[in-house]
Amino acid sequence: EVRLVESGGGLVQPGGSLRLSCEASGFTFKWSTMSWVRQAPGKEVEWLSSIDYNRPPIYADSVKGRFTISRDNAKNSAYLQMDSLQPEDTGIYYCQNSAGTRGQGTQVTVSS
């Protein structure tokens, strides 16, 4: 069974940072492109970043320079370091594998 479990969300003030984690199981993680997407209240799902096993990561313009994606194949885990968070970054954050499977998500709220 494919399983993705996100964690690390929470409430943070504008300008703050969070590090999201995604623990994966049930598929060959090291060969899978891993992505982070988010869904803001009332909006469609937005792709944020992807990391492949043999290519540099890529980012949406909305997060480029603020978010950093990484992975640890030994731990079957992916991460998203989020810096300089703004209220518009509020939403539910999901990790996603190459097949499009997502976890249950983790809530990120940026508010003073």
Protein backbone atom coordinates (compact mmCIF):
# COMPACT_ATOMS: atom_id res chain seq x y z
CA GLU A 1 0.00 0.00 0.00
CA VAL A 2 1.33 3.40 -1.01
CA ARG A 3 1.46 5.76 1.95
CA LEU A 4 2.60 9.36 2.27
CA VAL A 5 2.52 11.08 5.65
CA GLU A 6 3.14 14.80 5.89
CA SER A 7 4.06 16.58 9.10
CA GLY A 8 5.59 19.81 10.33
CA GLY A 9 2.80 22.27 9.66
CA GLY A 10 1.54 24.78 12.16
CA LEU A 11 0.88 28.42 12.92
CA VAL A 12 3.69 30.84 12.16
CA GLN A 13 3.99 34.59 12.01
CA PRO A 14 4.73 36.38 8.73
CA GLY A 15 8.43 36.18 7.99
CA GLY A 16 8.77 32.94 9.90
CA SER A 17 9.88 29.49 8.80
CA LEU A 18 8.62 25.94 8.85
CA ARG A 19 10.07 22.66 7.68
CA LEU A 20 7.64 20.09 6.33
CA SER A 21 8.44 16.40 6.19
CA CYS A 22 6.95 13.60 4.12
CA GLU A 23 7.53 9.96 5.01
CA ALA A 24 6.83 7.58 2.15
CA SER A 25 6.27 3.84 1.93
CA GLY A 26 4.82 1.25 -0.43
CA PHE A 27 6.73 2.24 -3.57
CA THR A 28 10.31 2.60 -4.78
CA PHE A 29 10.97 6.02 -3.35
CA LYS A 30 14.41 6.63 -4.84
CA TRP A 31 13.08 6.44 -8.40
CA SER A 32 10.05 8.62 -7.78
CA THR A 33 9.86 12.31 -8.48
CA MET A 34 8.57 13.87 -5.28
CA SER A 35 6.58 17.06 -5.29
CA TRP A 36 4.93 19.44 -2.87
CA VAL A 37 1.61 21.02 -3.65
CA ARG A 38 -0.74 23.13 -1.58
CA GLN A 39 -4.38 24.08 -1.50
CA ALA A 40 -5.37 27.45 -0.11
CA PRO A 41 -8.91 27.97 1.19
CA GLY A 42 -11.29 28.26 -1.74
CA LYS A 43 -8.57 27.78 -4.34
CA GLU A 44 -7.36 25.00 -6.57
CA VAL A 45 -4.35 22.89 -5.83
CA GLU A 46 -1.12 24.71 -6.64
CA TRP A 47 2.10 22.91 -7.54
CA LEU A 48 5.08 24.27 -5.60
CA SER A 49 8.18 22.22 -6.21
CA SER A 50 9.51 18.90 -7.45
CA ILE A 51 12.71 16.99 -6.95
CA ASP A 52 13.88 14.16 -9.12
CA TYR A 53 16.55 11.62 -8.30
CA ASN A 54 18.97 12.90 -10.93
CA ARG A 55 18.01 16.47 -11.78
CA PRO A 56 18.04 19.80 -9.96
CA PRO A 57 14.83 20.71 -8.14
CA ILE A 58 12.34 23.05 -9.73
CA TYR A 59 10.07 25.64 -8.13
CA ALA A 60 6.96 27.63 -8.85
CA ASP A 61 7.62 31.35 -9.19
CA SER A 62 5.48 31.98 -6.13
CA VAL A 63 7.95 30.19 -3.85
CA LYS A 64 11.26 30.40 -5.70
CA GLY A 65 13.96 31.79 -3.43
CA ARG A 66 11.91 31.16 -0.28
CA PHE A 67 11.23 27.41 -0.30
CA THR A 68 13.77 24.62 -0.61
CA ILE A 69 12.86 21.05 -1.44
CA SER A 70 15.10 18.14 -0.52
CA ARG A 71 14.97 14.39 -0.13
CA ASP A 72 16.71 11.62 1.76
CA ASN A 73 16.41 8.38 -0.16
CA ALA A 74 17.87 6.41 2.76
CA LYS A 75 14.93 7.55 4.89
CA ASN A 76 12.28 7.46 2.14
CA SER A 77 11.55 11.05 3.01
CA ALA A 78 11.09 14.39 1.32
CA TYR A 79 11.21 17.80 2.90
CA LEU A 80 10.16 21.36 2.22
CA GLN A 81 11.99 24.15 4.03
CA MET A 82 9.82 27.23 3.93
CA ASP A 83 11.29 30.61 4.79
CA SER A 84 9.94 34.16 4.66
CA LEU A 85 6.42 32.83 4.96
CA GLN A 86 3.58 35.17 4.11
CA PRO A 87 -0.18 35.01 4.79
CA GLU A 88 -0.77 33.95 1.19
CA ASP A 89 1.21 30.79 1.92
CA THR A 90 -1.59 29.59 4.19
CA GLY A 91 -3.09 26.31 3.12
CA ILE A 92 -2.91 22.56 3.34
CA TYR A 93 0.40 21.20 2.07
CA TYR A 94 0.68 17.79 0.47
CA CYS A 95 3.55 15.73 -0.77
CA GLN A 96 2.95 13.76 -3.96
CA ASN A 97 4.76 10.96 -5.71
CA SER A 98 5.19 10.35 -9.44
CA ALA A 99 1.88 8.50 -9.59
CA GLY A 100 0.06 11.50 -8.19
CA THR A 101 -0.67 9.93 -4.84
CA ARG A 102 -0.84 12.41 -1.97
CA GLY A 103 -0.91 12.13 1.77
CA GLN A 104 -3.48 13.58 4.12
CA GLY A 105 -1.72 16.93 4.16
CA THR A 106 -0.47 19.23 6.86
CA GLN A 107 -1.99 22.61 7.65
CA VAL A 108 0.18 25.71 7.41
CA THR A 109 -1.23 28.97 8.73
CA VAL A 110 0.70 32.21 8.42
CA SER A 111 -0.83 34.91 10.57
CA SER A 112 0.10 37.53 13.10
